[in-house]
Amino acid sequence: MTQKIIRMALLWALAVLALPLQAQGFPNKPIRLMLGYSPGGGIDVLSRAFAQRFGDALGQQIVFDNKPGASGAIAADLLTKSAPDGYTLFITETGYLVFSQLTPNTPDPLKAFQPVAPIMALPLLIAVPADSPAKNTRELIAMLKADPGKYSFGIPGIGTMHHLGFELFMQLTGINAVHIAYKGSPAIMPDLIGGRLAIGLLSTTAAAGPEKSGKLRVIATMTAQRTPMSPDWAALGEILPKFEATPRIFFVAPVGAPQAVVERLNEAARAALAKPDLKEIFEKGGAIPATATPEELRQQIAEDYKRWGEVAKKVGVSSTN
């Protein structure tokens, strides 16, 4: 019995010692970092800036791979079919947590993903064509109330925070408009600027340039308060107290990824986000850097999954509407 106990103790000790060793040689080849949105959008631009510095922190090349479509579900599916070794990662956001609940045969983020690290929070906003009669939130509400169902709002996918945030806004104000789902924010822009779309739900990054050049008008950010990066833009919270629909952007590995590898990736993410030049890029892009341990991120994901899943059900959002 004593020998058996000794053998078990030795095996346990070897297993514990082996955990750090899993990360010692990691990474020894390029890492694939997938994003479920098209190139050129707000999340894409900022995620690419992060990826460059993330690779520097790891001492390895990051292969940035856009896999747009189905609110990130295409990239999520590819992730679940990848080896859980830390060499395939997926940048996703709060909207996918909801989309996965609305769509059959979509990877469950609570079961299929290993949380690694947050990257940023990215405030969203409501924009209209430059010649729109609506110049502020109250005028937009009045315009939509005057002609229920006449106007359309563009979103970068069903179940995204852009979608849910505006659906909640409509419910709280008693207005009605029809959504049009695009494949990413860049696809929304031509129709919005050209006046073929009445309302666009965009990231602050995507809207900043066109707004500055007078090609569109920002009505309000979908935040409780004005953002420090854009204090001239009104917030929906000024009309609807405590209104907040800001997605978290974070990245995950396939479930089963070694804990030591996850910790190494988390440390590299923190190092990347601490770079002054990245902080400056995020500030200009309207993003707020975010850090947390893998376990803290797991808790955040679970909370957002529940909260926004309930909102989706309450406002009647589904994968077919």
C-alpha atoms as a PDB file:
ATOM      1  CA  MET A   1       0.000   0.000   0.000  1.00  0.00           C
ATOM      2  CA  THR A   2       2.861   2.322   0.902  1.00  0.00           C
ATOM      3  CA  GLN A   3       4.555   1.740  -2.454  1.00  0.00           C
ATOM      4  CA  LYS A   4       1.287   2.416  -4.249  1.00  0.00           C
ATOM      5  CA  ILE A   5       0.868   5.712  -2.399  1.00  0.00           C
ATOM      6  CA  ILE A   6       4.451   6.676  -3.232  1.00  0.00           C
ATOM      7  CA  ARG A   7       3.908   5.896  -6.916  1.00  0.00           C
ATOM      8  CA  MET A   8       0.709   7.956  -6.972  1.00  0.00           C
ATOM      9  CA  ALA A   9       2.478  10.845  -5.271  1.00  0.00           C
ATOM     10  CA  LEU A  10       5.306  10.717  -7.791  1.00  0.00           C
ATOM     11  CA  LEU A  11       2.881  10.664 -10.716  1.00  0.00           C
ATOM     12  CA  TRP A  12       1.014  13.627  -9.272  1.00  0.00           C
ATOM     13  CA  ALA A  13       4.254  15.561  -8.770  1.00  0.00           C
ATOM     14  CA  LEU A  14       5.364  14.833 -12.324  1.00  0.00           C
ATOM     15  CA  ALA A  15       2.009  15.992 -13.672  1.00  0.00           C
ATOM     16  CA  VAL A  16       2.241  19.271 -11.746  1.00  0.00           C
ATOM     17  CA  LEU A  17       5.802  19.862 -12.922  1.00  0.00           C
ATOM     18  CA  ALA A  18       4.794  19.099 -16.505  1.00  0.00           C
ATOM     19  CA  LEU A  19       2.254  21.953 -16.625  1.00  0.00           C
ATOM     20  CA  PRO A  20       4.829  24.767 -16.864  1.00  0.00           C
ATOM     21  CA  LEU A  21       6.843  22.696 -19.313  1.00  0.00           C
ATOM     22  CA  GLN A  22       3.906  22.703 -21.742  1.00  0.00           C
ATOM     23  CA  ALA A  23       4.348  26.461 -22.117  1.00  0.00           C
ATOM     24  CA  GLN A  24       8.150  26.545 -22.197  1.00  0.00           C
ATOM     25  CA  GLY A  25       8.336  25.608 -25.871  1.00  0.00           C
ATOM     26  CA  PHE A  26       5.183  27.520 -26.769  1.00  0.00           C
ATOM     27  CA  PRO A  27       4.813  28.989 -29.288  1.00  0.00           C
ATOM     28  CA  ASN A  28       7.251  27.430 -31.720  1.00  0.00           C
ATOM     29  CA  LYS A  29       5.246  28.111 -34.877  1.00  0.00           C
ATOM     30  CA  PRO A  30       2.857  30.801 -36.189  1.00  0.00           C
ATOM     31  CA  ILE A  31      -0.462  31.249 -34.411  1.00  0.00           C
ATOM     32  CA  ARG A  32      -3.704  31.579 -36.353  1.00  0.00           C
ATOM     33  CA  LEU A  33      -5.955  34.296 -34.960  1.00  0.00           C
ATOM     34  CA  MET A  34      -9.435  34.253 -36.500  1.00  0.00           C
ATOM     35  CA  LEU A  35     -11.978  37.070 -36.540  1.00  0.00           C
ATOM     36  CA  GLY A  36     -15.583  36.498 -37.571  1.00  0.00           C
ATOM     37  CA  TYR A  37     -15.973  39.826 -39.365  1.00  0.00           C
ATOM     38  CA  SER A  38     -14.935  41.362 -42.674  1.00  0.00           C
ATOM     39  CA  PRO A  39     -11.725  43.386 -43.111  1.00  0.00           C
ATOM     40  CA  GLY A  40     -12.007  47.128 -42.629  1.00  0.00           C
ATOM     41  CA  GLY A  41     -14.541  47.298 -39.816  1.00  0.00           C
ATOM     42  CA  GLY A  42     -13.895  48.751 -36.372  1.00  0.00           C
ATOM     43  CA  ILE A  43     -13.220  45.427 -34.642  1.00  0.00           C
ATOM     44  CA  ASP A  44     -10.996  44.317 -37.520  1.00  0.00           C
ATOM     45  CA  VAL A  45      -8.815  47.426 -37.520  1.00  0.00           C
ATOM     46  CA  LEU A  46      -8.244  47.386 -33.768  1.00  0.00           C
ATOM     47  CA  SER A  47      -7.850  43.611 -33.566  1.00  0.00           C
ATOM     48  CA  ARG A  48      -5.130  43.721 -36.219  1.00  0.00           C
ATOM     49  CA  ALA A  49      -3.272  46.386 -34.226  1.00  0.00           C
ATOM     50  CA  PHE A  50      -3.553  44.186 -31.145  1.00  0.00           C
ATOM     51  CA  ALA A  51      -2.461  41.075 -33.072  1.00  0.00           C
ATOM     52  CA  GLN A  52       0.791  42.704 -34.183  1.00  0.00           C
ATOM     53  CA  ARG A  53       1.825  43.567 -30.631  1.00  0.00           C
ATOM     54  CA  PHE A  54       0.478  40.272 -29.303  1.00  0.00           C
ATOM     55  CA  GLY A  55       2.803  38.474 -31.719  1.00  0.00           C
ATOM     56  CA  ASP A  56       5.714  40.637 -30.596  1.00  0.00           C
ATOM     57  CA  ALA A  57       5.016  39.694 -26.979  1.00  0.00           C
ATOM     58  CA  LEU A  58       4.956  36.005 -27.888  1.00  0.00           C
ATOM     59  CA  GLY A  59       7.964  36.247 -30.189  1.00  0.00           C
ATOM     60  CA  GLN A  60       5.986  34.543 -32.922  1.00  0.00           C
ATOM     61  CA  GLN A  61       4.108  35.430 -36.111  1.00  0.00           C
ATOM     62  CA  ILE A  62       0.353  35.924 -35.851  1.00  0.00           C
ATOM     63  CA  VAL A  63      -1.590  34.919 -38.963  1.00  0.00           C
ATOM     64  CA  PHE A  64      -4.699  37.117 -38.904  1.00  0.00           C
ATOM     65  CA  ASP A  65      -7.578  35.305 -40.585  1.00  0.00           C
ATOM     66  CA  ASN A  66     -10.933  36.992 -41.362  1.00  0.00           C
ATOM     67  CA  LYS A  67     -13.814  34.508 -41.470  1.00  0.00           C
ATOM     68  CA  PRO A  68     -16.919  36.695 -41.814  1.00  0.00           C
ATOM     69  CA  GLY A  69     -20.484  35.442 -41.756  1.00  0.00           C
ATOM     70  CA  ALA A  70     -23.202  34.269 -39.349  1.00  0.00           C
ATOM     71  CA  SER A  71     -22.142  36.697 -36.610  1.00  0.00           C
ATOM     72  CA  GLY A  72     -18.903  34.814 -36.060  1.00  0.00           C
ATOM     73  CA  ALA A  73     -20.394  31.315 -36.146  1.00  0.00           C
ATOM     74  CA  ILE A  74     -18.277  30.283 -39.149  1.00  0.00           C
ATOM     75  CA  ALA A  75     -15.072  31.128 -37.307  1.00  0.00           C
ATOM     76  CA  ALA A  76     -16.429  29.555 -34.115  1.00  0.00           C
ATOM     77  CA  ASP A  77     -17.111  26.292 -35.933  1.00  0.00           C
ATOM     78  CA  LEU A  78     -13.592  26.272 -37.375  1.00  0.00           C
ATOM     79  CA  LEU A  79     -12.206  26.814 -33.895  1.00  0.00           C
ATOM     80  CA  THR A  80     -14.042  23.807 -32.457  1.00  0.00           C
ATOM     81  CA  LYS A  81     -12.558  21.638 -35.224  1.00  0.00           C
ATOM     82  CA  SER A  82      -9.023  22.811 -34.459  1.00  0.00           C
ATOM     83  CA  ALA A  83      -6.524  21.124 -32.175  1.00  0.00           C
ATOM     84  CA  PRO A  84      -6.705  22.512 -28.597  1.00  0.00           C
ATOM     85  CA  ASP A  85      -3.027  23.387 -28.542  1.00  0.00           C
ATOM     86  CA  GLY A  86      -3.159  27.190 -28.477  1.00  0.00           C
ATOM     87  CA  TYR A  87      -2.150  27.631 -32.111  1.00  0.00           C
ATOM     88  CA  THR A  88      -5.678  28.442 -33.289  1.00  0.00           C
ATOM     89  CA  LEU A  89      -7.513  31.267 -31.532  1.00  0.00           C
ATOM     90  CA  PHE A  90     -10.754  33.150 -32.139  1.00  0.00           C
ATOM     91  CA  ILE A  91     -11.518  36.803 -31.439  1.00  0.00           C
ATOM     92  CA  THR A  92     -15.205  37.142 -30.706  1.00  0.00           C
ATOM     93  CA  GLU A  93     -17.558  39.503 -28.882  1.00  0.00           C
ATOM     94  CA  THR A  94     -20.651  39.708 -26.735  1.00  0.00           C
ATOM     95  CA  GLY A  95     -23.011  39.483 -29.704  1.00  0.00           C
ATOM     96  CA  TYR A  96     -21.885  35.957 -30.494  1.00  0.00           C
ATOM     97  CA  LEU A  97     -22.874  34.873 -26.991  1.00  0.00           C
ATOM     98  CA  VAL A  98     -26.440  35.772 -27.941  1.00  0.00           C
ATOM     99  CA  PHE A  99     -26.337  34.535 -31.522  1.00  0.00           C
ATOM    100  CA  SER A 100     -25.275  31.106 -30.312  1.00  0.00           C
ATOM    101  CA  GLN A 101     -28.451  30.882 -28.240  1.00  0.00           C
ATOM    102  CA  LEU A 102     -30.660  31.804 -31.188  1.00  0.00           C
ATOM    103  CA  THR A 103     -29.178  29.551 -33.846  1.00  0.00           C
ATOM    104  CA  PRO A 104     -29.291  25.723 -33.921  1.00  0.00           C
ATOM    105  CA  ASN A 105     -26.050  23.798 -34.463  1.00  0.00           C
ATOM    106  CA  THR A 106     -23.904  26.745 -33.427  1.00  0.00           C
ATOM    107  CA  PRO A 107     -20.967  26.182 -31.035  1.00  0.00           C
ATOM    108  CA  ASP A 108     -21.959  26.858 -27.436  1.00  0.00           C
ATOM    109  CA  PRO A 109     -19.453  29.404 -26.064  1.00  0.00           C
ATOM    110  CA  LEU A 110     -19.887  28.108 -22.514  1.00  0.00           C
ATOM    111  CA  LYS A 111     -18.961  24.567 -23.517  1.00  0.00           C
ATOM    112  CA  ALA A 112     -16.827  24.788 -26.674  1.00  0.00           C
ATOM    113  CA  PHE A 113     -14.519  27.687 -25.797  1.00  0.00           C
ATOM    114  CA  GLN A 114     -11.613  28.071 -23.412  1.00  0.00           C
ATOM    115  CA  PRO A 115     -11.568  31.766 -22.385  1.00  0.00           C
ATOM    116  CA  VAL A 116      -8.089  33.265 -22.792  1.00  0.00           C
ATOM    117  CA  ALA A 117      -8.088  37.057 -22.483  1.00  0.00           C
ATOM    118  CA  PRO A 118     -10.186  40.183 -23.058  1.00  0.00           C
ATOM    119  CA  ILE A 119      -8.969  42.794 -25.512  1.00  0.00           C
ATOM    120  CA  MET A 120     -11.286  45.785 -25.359  1.00  0.00           C
ATOM    121  CA  ALA A 121     -14.751  47.203 -24.978  1.00  0.00           C
ATOM    122  CA  LEU A 122     -15.938  48.928 -28.134  1.00  0.00           C
ATOM    123  CA  PRO A 123     -18.798  51.434 -27.759  1.00  0.00           C
ATOM    124  CA  LEU A 124     -21.365  51.432 -30.550  1.00  0.00           C
ATOM    125  CA  LEU A 125     -23.374  54.268 -32.012  1.00  0.00           C
ATOM    126  CA  ILE A 126     -26.388  55.183 -34.104  1.00  0.00           C
ATOM    127  CA  ALA A 127     -25.627  57.056 -37.328  1.00  0.00           C
ATOM    128  CA  VAL A 128     -27.761  58.469 -40.142  1.00  0.00           C
ATOM    129  CA  PRO A 129     -27.010  59.945 -43.588  1.00  0.00           C
ATOM    130  CA  ALA A 130     -25.676  63.490 -43.528  1.00  0.00           C
ATOM    131  CA  ASP A 131     -28.925  64.837 -45.028  1.00  0.00           C
ATOM    132  CA  SER A 132     -31.245  62.945 -42.667  1.00  0.00           C
ATOM    133  CA  PRO A 133     -33.973  65.090 -41.081  1.00  0.00           C
ATOM    134  CA  ALA A 134     -33.042  63.588 -37.688  1.00  0.00           C
ATOM    135  CA  LYS A 135     -30.305  65.599 -36.010  1.00  0.00           C
ATOM    136  CA  ASN A 136     -30.462  64.116 -32.500  1.00  0.00           C
ATOM    137  CA  THR A 137     -32.002  61.254 -30.524  1.00  0.00           C
ATOM    138  CA  ARG A 138     -35.345  62.943 -29.889  1.00  0.00           C
ATOM    139  CA  GLU A 139     -35.734  63.858 -33.571  1.00  0.00           C
ATOM    140  CA  LEU A 140     -34.853  60.295 -34.589  1.00  0.00           C
ATOM    141  CA  ILE A 141     -37.512  58.933 -32.247  1.00  0.00           C
ATOM    142  CA  ALA A 142     -40.053  61.400 -33.633  1.00  0.00           C
ATOM    143  CA  MET A 143     -39.173  60.486 -37.218  1.00  0.00           C
ATOM    144  CA  LEU A 144     -39.616  56.761 -36.573  1.00  0.00           C
ATOM    145  CA  LYS A 145     -42.827  57.257 -34.610  1.00  0.00           C
ATOM    146  CA  ALA A 146     -44.312  59.305 -37.443  1.00  0.00           C
ATOM    147  CA  ASP A 147     -43.889  56.432 -39.926  1.00  0.00           C
ATOM    148  CA  PRO A 148     -43.733  53.076 -38.086  1.00  0.00           C
ATOM    149  CA  GLY A 149     -42.002  50.386 -40.135  1.00  0.00           C
ATOM    150  CA  LYS A 150     -41.056  52.749 -42.964  1.00  0.00           C
ATOM    151  CA  TYR A 151     -37.362  53.058 -42.142  1.00  0.00           C
ATOM    152  CA  SER A 152     -34.630  50.432 -42.021  1.00  0.00           C
ATOM    153  CA  PHE A 153     -31.583  50.109 -39.793  1.00  0.00           C
ATOM    154  CA  GLY A 154     -28.450  48.288 -40.863  1.00  0.00           C
ATOM    155  CA  ILE A 155     -26.642  45.849 -38.594  1.00  0.00           C
ATOM    156  CA  PRO A 156     -23.508  43.727 -39.176  1.00  0.00           C
ATOM    157  CA  GLY A 157     -25.365  40.511 -38.325  1.00  0.00           C
ATOM    158  CA  ILE A 158     -28.367  39.034 -36.516  1.00  0.00           C
ATOM    159  CA  GLY A 159     -27.930  38.862 -32.757  1.00  0.00           C
ATOM    160  CA  THR A 160     -24.951  41.241 -32.678  1.00  0.00           C
ATOM    161  CA  MET A 161     -24.859  43.883 -29.976  1.00  0.00           C
ATOM    162  CA  HIS A 162     -25.602  46.420 -32.709  1.00  0.00           C
ATOM    163  CA  HIS A 163     -28.827  44.520 -33.370  1.00  0.00           C
ATOM    164  CA  LEU A 164     -29.798  43.881 -29.742  1.00  0.00           C
ATOM    165  CA  GLY A 165     -28.937  47.393 -28.646  1.00  0.00           C
ATOM    166  CA  PHE A 166     -31.214  48.973 -31.251  1.00  0.00           C
ATOM    167  CA  GLU A 167     -33.985  46.444 -30.621  1.00  0.00           C
ATOM    168  CA  LEU A 168     -33.881  47.371 -26.937  1.00  0.00           C
ATOM    169  CA  PHE A 169     -33.837  51.068 -27.859  1.00  0.00           C
ATOM    170  CA  MET A 170     -36.964  50.577 -29.991  1.00  0.00           C
ATOM    171  CA  GLN A 171     -38.737  48.685 -27.239  1.00  0.00           C
ATOM    172  CA  LEU A 172     -37.991  51.328 -24.632  1.00  0.00           C
ATOM    173  CA  THR A 173     -39.093  54.218 -26.872  1.00  0.00           C
ATOM    174  CA  GLY A 174     -42.063  52.568 -28.591  1.00  0.00           C
ATOM    175  CA  ILE A 175     -40.707  52.997 -32.108  1.00  0.00           C
ATOM    176  CA  ASN A 176     -40.560  50.560 -35.004  1.00  0.00           C
ATOM    177  CA  ALA A 177     -38.054  50.086 -37.834  1.00  0.00           C
ATOM    178  CA  VAL A 178     -36.989  47.139 -39.986  1.00  0.00           C
ATOM    179  CA  HIS A 179     -33.514  45.653 -39.687  1.00  0.00           C
ATOM    180  CA  ILE A 180     -31.276  44.741 -42.614  1.00  0.00           C
ATOM    181  CA  ALA A 181     -28.424  42.376 -41.807  1.00  0.00           C
ATOM    182  CA  TYR A 182     -25.152  43.050 -43.620  1.00  0.00           C
ATOM    183  CA  LYS A 183     -21.892  41.104 -43.607  1.00  0.00           C
ATOM    184  CA  GLY A 184     -19.951  43.470 -41.406  1.00  0.00           C
ATOM    185  CA  SER A 185     -19.898  47.229 -40.837  1.00  0.00           C
ATOM    186  CA  PRO A 186     -17.973  48.069 -44.040  1.00  0.00           C
ATOM    187  CA  ALA A 187     -20.888  46.742 -46.089  1.00  0.00           C
ATOM    188  CA  ILE A 188     -23.283  49.077 -44.267  1.00  0.00           C
ATOM    189  CA  MET A 189     -21.335  52.235 -45.008  1.00  0.00           C
ATOM    190  CA  PRO A 190     -22.038  52.706 -48.763  1.00  0.00           C
ATOM    191  CA  ASP A 191     -25.807  52.387 -48.298  1.00  0.00           C
ATOM    192  CA  LEU A 192     -25.797  54.651 -45.257  1.00  0.00           C
ATOM    193  CA  ILE A 193     -23.668  57.377 -46.829  1.00  0.00           C
ATOM    194  CA  GLY A 194     -25.629  57.102 -50.078  1.00  0.00           C
ATOM    195  CA  GLY A 195     -28.950  57.577 -48.285  1.00  0.00           C
ATOM    196  CA  ARG A 196     -30.302  54.154 -49.254  1.00  0.00           C
ATOM    197  CA  LEU A 197     -30.312  53.189 -45.578  1.00  0.00           C
ATOM    198  CA  ALA A 198     -31.942  55.406 -42.956  1.00  0.00           C
ATOM    199  CA  ILE A 199     -29.998  54.245 -39.906  1.00  0.00           C
ATOM    200  CA  GLY A 200     -26.701  52.455 -39.368  1.00  0.00           C
ATOM    201  CA  LEU A 201     -25.472  50.762 -36.197  1.00  0.00           C
ATOM    202  CA  LEU A 202     -21.695  51.125 -36.200  1.00  0.00           C
ATOM    203  CA  SER A 203     -18.632  50.985 -34.012  1.00  0.00           C
ATOM    204  CA  THR A 204     -17.115  54.319 -33.073  1.00  0.00           C
ATOM    205  CA  THR A 205     -14.074  53.387 -35.170  1.00  0.00           C
ATOM    206  CA  ALA A 206     -16.063  52.753 -38.333  1.00  0.00           C
ATOM    207  CA  ALA A 207     -18.024  55.991 -37.974  1.00  0.00           C
ATOM    208  CA  ALA A 208     -15.253  58.388 -36.927  1.00  0.00           C
ATOM    209  CA  GLY A 209     -13.760  59.086 -40.376  1.00  0.00           C
ATOM    210  CA  PRO A 210     -17.023  59.453 -42.349  1.00  0.00           C
ATOM    211  CA  GLU A 211     -18.512  61.607 -39.586  1.00  0.00           C
ATOM    212  CA  LYS A 212     -15.508  63.908 -39.541  1.00  0.00           C
ATOM    213  CA  SER A 213     -15.662  64.342 -43.326  1.00  0.00           C
ATOM    214  CA  GLY A 214     -19.388  65.110 -43.208  1.00  0.00           C
ATOM    215  CA  LYS A 215     -20.516  61.935 -44.964  1.00  0.00           C
ATOM    216  CA  LEU A 216     -22.787  60.854 -42.100  1.00  0.00           C
ATOM    217  CA  ARG A 217     -24.180  62.157 -38.824  1.00  0.00           C
ATOM    218  CA  VAL A 218     -23.745  60.490 -35.445  1.00  0.00           C
ATOM    219  CA  ILE A 219     -26.969  60.600 -33.444  1.00  0.00           C
ATOM    220  CA  ALA A 220     -25.708  59.041 -30.210  1.00  0.00           C
ATOM    221  CA  THR A 221     -23.493  56.388 -28.701  1.00  0.00           C
ATOM    222  CA  MET A 222     -25.307  53.397 -27.202  1.00  0.00           C
ATOM    223  CA  THR A 223     -23.773  54.065 -23.800  1.00  0.00           C
ATOM    224  CA  ALA A 224     -24.924  55.351 -20.435  1.00  0.00           C
ATOM    225  CA  GLN A 225     -22.558  58.333 -20.624  1.00  0.00           C
ATOM    226  CA  ARG A 226     -20.561  60.138 -23.282  1.00  0.00           C
ATOM    227  CA  THR A 227     -17.311  58.425 -24.091  1.00  0.00           C
ATOM    228  CA  PRO A 228     -14.037  60.190 -23.174  1.00  0.00           C
ATOM    229  CA  MET A 229     -12.799  59.653 -26.741  1.00  0.00           C
ATOM    230  CA  SER A 230     -15.833  61.369 -28.320  1.00  0.00           C
ATOM    231  CA  PRO A 231     -17.290  63.802 -25.760  1.00  0.00           C
ATOM    232  CA  ASP A 232     -19.127  65.761 -28.469  1.00  0.00           C
ATOM    233  CA  TRP A 233     -21.319  62.769 -29.314  1.00  0.00           C
ATOM    234  CA  ALA A 234     -24.479  62.446 -27.256  1.00  0.00           C
ATOM    235  CA  ALA A 235     -25.205  59.212 -25.357  1.00  0.00           C
ATOM    236  CA  LEU A 236     -28.511  57.329 -25.345  1.00  0.00           C
ATOM    237  CA  GLY A 237     -28.228  57.342 -21.563  1.00  0.00           C
ATOM    238  CA  GLU A 238     -29.042  61.063 -21.670  1.00  0.00           C
ATOM    239  CA  ILE A 239     -32.522  60.125 -22.888  1.00  0.00           C
ATOM    240  CA  LEU A 240     -32.761  56.613 -21.439  1.00  0.00           C
ATOM    241  CA  PRO A 241     -30.955  56.556 -18.064  1.00  0.00           C
ATOM    242  CA  LYS A 242     -28.423  53.713 -17.604  1.00  0.00           C
ATOM    243  CA  PHE A 243     -28.842  52.488 -21.176  1.00  0.00           C
ATOM    244  CA  GLU A 244     -25.738  50.475 -22.093  1.00  0.00           C
ATOM    245  CA  ALA A 245     -25.093  48.190 -25.050  1.00  0.00           C
ATOM    246  CA  THR A 246     -21.317  48.001 -25.323  1.00  0.00           C
ATOM    247  CA  PRO A 247     -19.795  44.725 -26.515  1.00  0.00           C
ATOM    248  CA  ARG A 248     -16.743  43.133 -24.983  1.00  0.00           C
ATOM    249  CA  ILE A 249     -14.165  41.870 -27.468  1.00  0.00           C
ATOM    250  CA  PHE A 250     -12.089  38.926 -26.253  1.00  0.00           C
ATOM    251  CA  PHE A 251     -10.367  35.848 -27.581  1.00  0.00           C
ATOM    252  CA  VAL A 252     -10.711  32.161 -26.859  1.00  0.00           C
ATOM    253  CA  ALA A 253      -9.056  28.843 -27.635  1.00  0.00           C
ATOM    254  CA  PRO A 254     -10.748  25.479 -28.216  1.00  0.00           C
ATOM    255  CA  VAL A 255     -11.903  23.812 -25.005  1.00  0.00           C
ATOM    256  CA  GLY A 256      -9.189  21.565 -23.671  1.00  0.00           C
ATOM    257  CA  ALA A 257      -6.283  23.917 -24.346  1.00  0.00           C
ATOM    258  CA  PRO A 258      -3.514  23.356 -21.738  1.00  0.00           C
ATOM    259  CA  GLN A 259      -3.809  25.743 -18.806  1.00  0.00           C
ATOM    260  CA  ALA A 260      -0.131  26.661 -19.002  1.00  0.00           C
ATOM    261  CA  VAL A 261      -0.556  27.654 -22.656  1.00  0.00           C
ATOM    262  CA  VAL A 262      -3.670  29.676 -21.821  1.00  0.00           C
ATOM    263  CA  GLU A 263      -1.758  31.513 -19.103  1.00  0.00           C
ATOM    264  CA  ARG A 264       1.097  32.235 -21.517  1.00  0.00           C
ATOM    265  CA  LEU A 265      -1.347  33.685 -24.058  1.00  0.00           C
ATOM    266  CA  ASN A 266      -3.043  35.759 -21.361  1.00  0.00           C
ATOM    267  CA  GLU A 267       0.301  37.196 -20.234  1.00  0.00           C
ATOM    268  CA  ALA A 268       1.175  38.110 -23.829  1.00  0.00           C
ATOM    269  CA  ALA A 269      -2.204  39.821 -24.272  1.00  0.00           C
ATOM    270  CA  ARG A 270      -1.595  41.914 -21.154  1.00  0.00           C
ATOM    271  CA  ALA A 271       1.864  42.848 -22.413  1.00  0.00           C
ATOM    272  CA  ALA A 272       0.450  43.878 -25.789  1.00  0.00           C
ATOM    273  CA  LEU A 273      -2.288  46.008 -24.219  1.00  0.00           C
ATOM    274  CA  ALA A 274       0.279  47.758 -22.032  1.00  0.00           C
ATOM    275  CA  LYS A 275       2.124  49.109 -25.085  1.00  0.00           C
ATOM    276  CA  PRO A 276       1.724  52.925 -25.216  1.00  0.00           C
ATOM    277  CA  ASP A 277       1.338  52.935 -29.005  1.00  0.00           C
ATOM    278  CA  LEU A 278      -1.516  50.410 -28.840  1.00  0.00           C
ATOM    279  CA  LYS A 279      -3.227  52.428 -26.123  1.00  0.00           C
ATOM    280  CA  GLU A 280      -3.034  55.442 -28.433  1.00  0.00           C
ATOM    281  CA  ILE A 281      -4.483  53.469 -31.359  1.00  0.00           C
ATOM    282  CA  PHE A 282      -7.332  52.223 -29.168  1.00  0.00           C
ATOM    283  CA  GLU A 283      -8.071  55.717 -27.891  1.00  0.00           C
ATOM    284  CA  LYS A 284      -8.236  57.111 -31.424  1.00  0.00           C
ATOM    285  CA  GLY A 285     -10.454  54.203 -32.417  1.00  0.00           C
ATOM    286  CA  GLY A 286     -12.841  54.733 -29.532  1.00  0.00           C
ATOM    287  CA  ALA A 287     -11.935  51.449 -27.838  1.00  0.00           C
ATOM    288  CA  ILE A 288     -11.338  50.864 -24.155  1.00  0.00           C
ATOM    289  CA  PRO A 289      -8.542  48.346 -23.378  1.00  0.00           C
ATOM    290  CA  ALA A 290      -9.538  45.512 -21.048  1.00  0.00           C
ATOM    291  CA  THR A 291      -7.607  42.930 -19.068  1.00  0.00           C
ATOM    292  CA  ALA A 292      -8.652  39.996 -16.872  1.00  0.00           C
ATOM    293  CA  THR A 293      -7.524  36.525 -15.917  1.00  0.00           C
ATOM    294  CA  PRO A 294      -8.911  33.596 -17.921  1.00  0.00           C
ATOM    295  CA  GLU A 295     -11.188  32.724 -14.996  1.00  0.00           C
ATOM    296  CA  GLU A 296     -12.449  36.294 -14.636  1.00  0.00           C
ATOM    297  CA  LEU A 297     -13.167  36.337 -18.365  1.00  0.00           C
ATOM    298  CA  ARG A 298     -15.067  33.057 -18.006  1.00  0.00           C
ATOM    299  CA  GLN A 299     -17.300  34.687 -15.405  1.00  0.00           C
ATOM    300  CA  GLN A 300     -17.857  37.767 -17.597  1.00  0.00           C
ATOM    301  CA  ILE A 301     -18.815  35.573 -20.535  1.00  0.00           C
ATOM    302  CA  ALA A 302     -21.315  33.636 -18.410  1.00  0.00           C
ATOM    303  CA  GLU A 303     -22.880  36.856 -17.098  1.00  0.00           C
ATOM    304  CA  ASP A 304     -23.185  38.444 -20.566  1.00  0.00           C
ATOM    305  CA  TYR A 305     -24.512  35.173 -21.993  1.00  0.00           C
ATOM    306  CA  LYS A 306     -27.360  35.218 -19.490  1.00  0.00           C
ATOM    307  CA  ARG A 307     -28.058  38.964 -19.532  1.00  0.00           C
ATOM    308  CA  TRP A 308     -28.175  39.517 -23.272  1.00  0.00           C
ATOM    309  CA  GLY A 309     -29.813  36.165 -23.944  1.00  0.00           C
ATOM    310  CA  GLU A 310     -32.698  37.347 -21.785  1.00  0.00           C
ATOM    311  CA  VAL A 311     -32.818  40.658 -23.668  1.00  0.00           C
ATOM    312  CA  ALA A 312     -32.987  38.810 -26.989  1.00  0.00           C
ATOM    313  CA  LYS A 313     -35.908  36.728 -25.792  1.00  0.00           C
ATOM    314  CA  LYS A 314     -37.665  39.756 -24.325  1.00  0.00           C
ATOM    315  CA  VAL A 315     -37.514  41.789 -27.535  1.00  0.00           C
ATOM    316  CA  GLY A 316     -38.283  38.753 -29.694  1.00  0.00           C
ATOM    317  CA  VAL A 317     -34.981  38.503 -31.544  1.00  0.00           C
ATOM    318  CA  SER A 318     -34.427  35.208 -33.358  1.00  0.00           C
ATOM    319  CA  SER A 319     -32.065  33.871 -35.999  1.00  0.00           C
ATOM    320  CA  THR A 320     -34.846  34.137 -38.587  1.00  0.00           C
ATOM    321  CA  ASN A 321     -36.191  37.636 -37.973  1.00  0.00           C
END
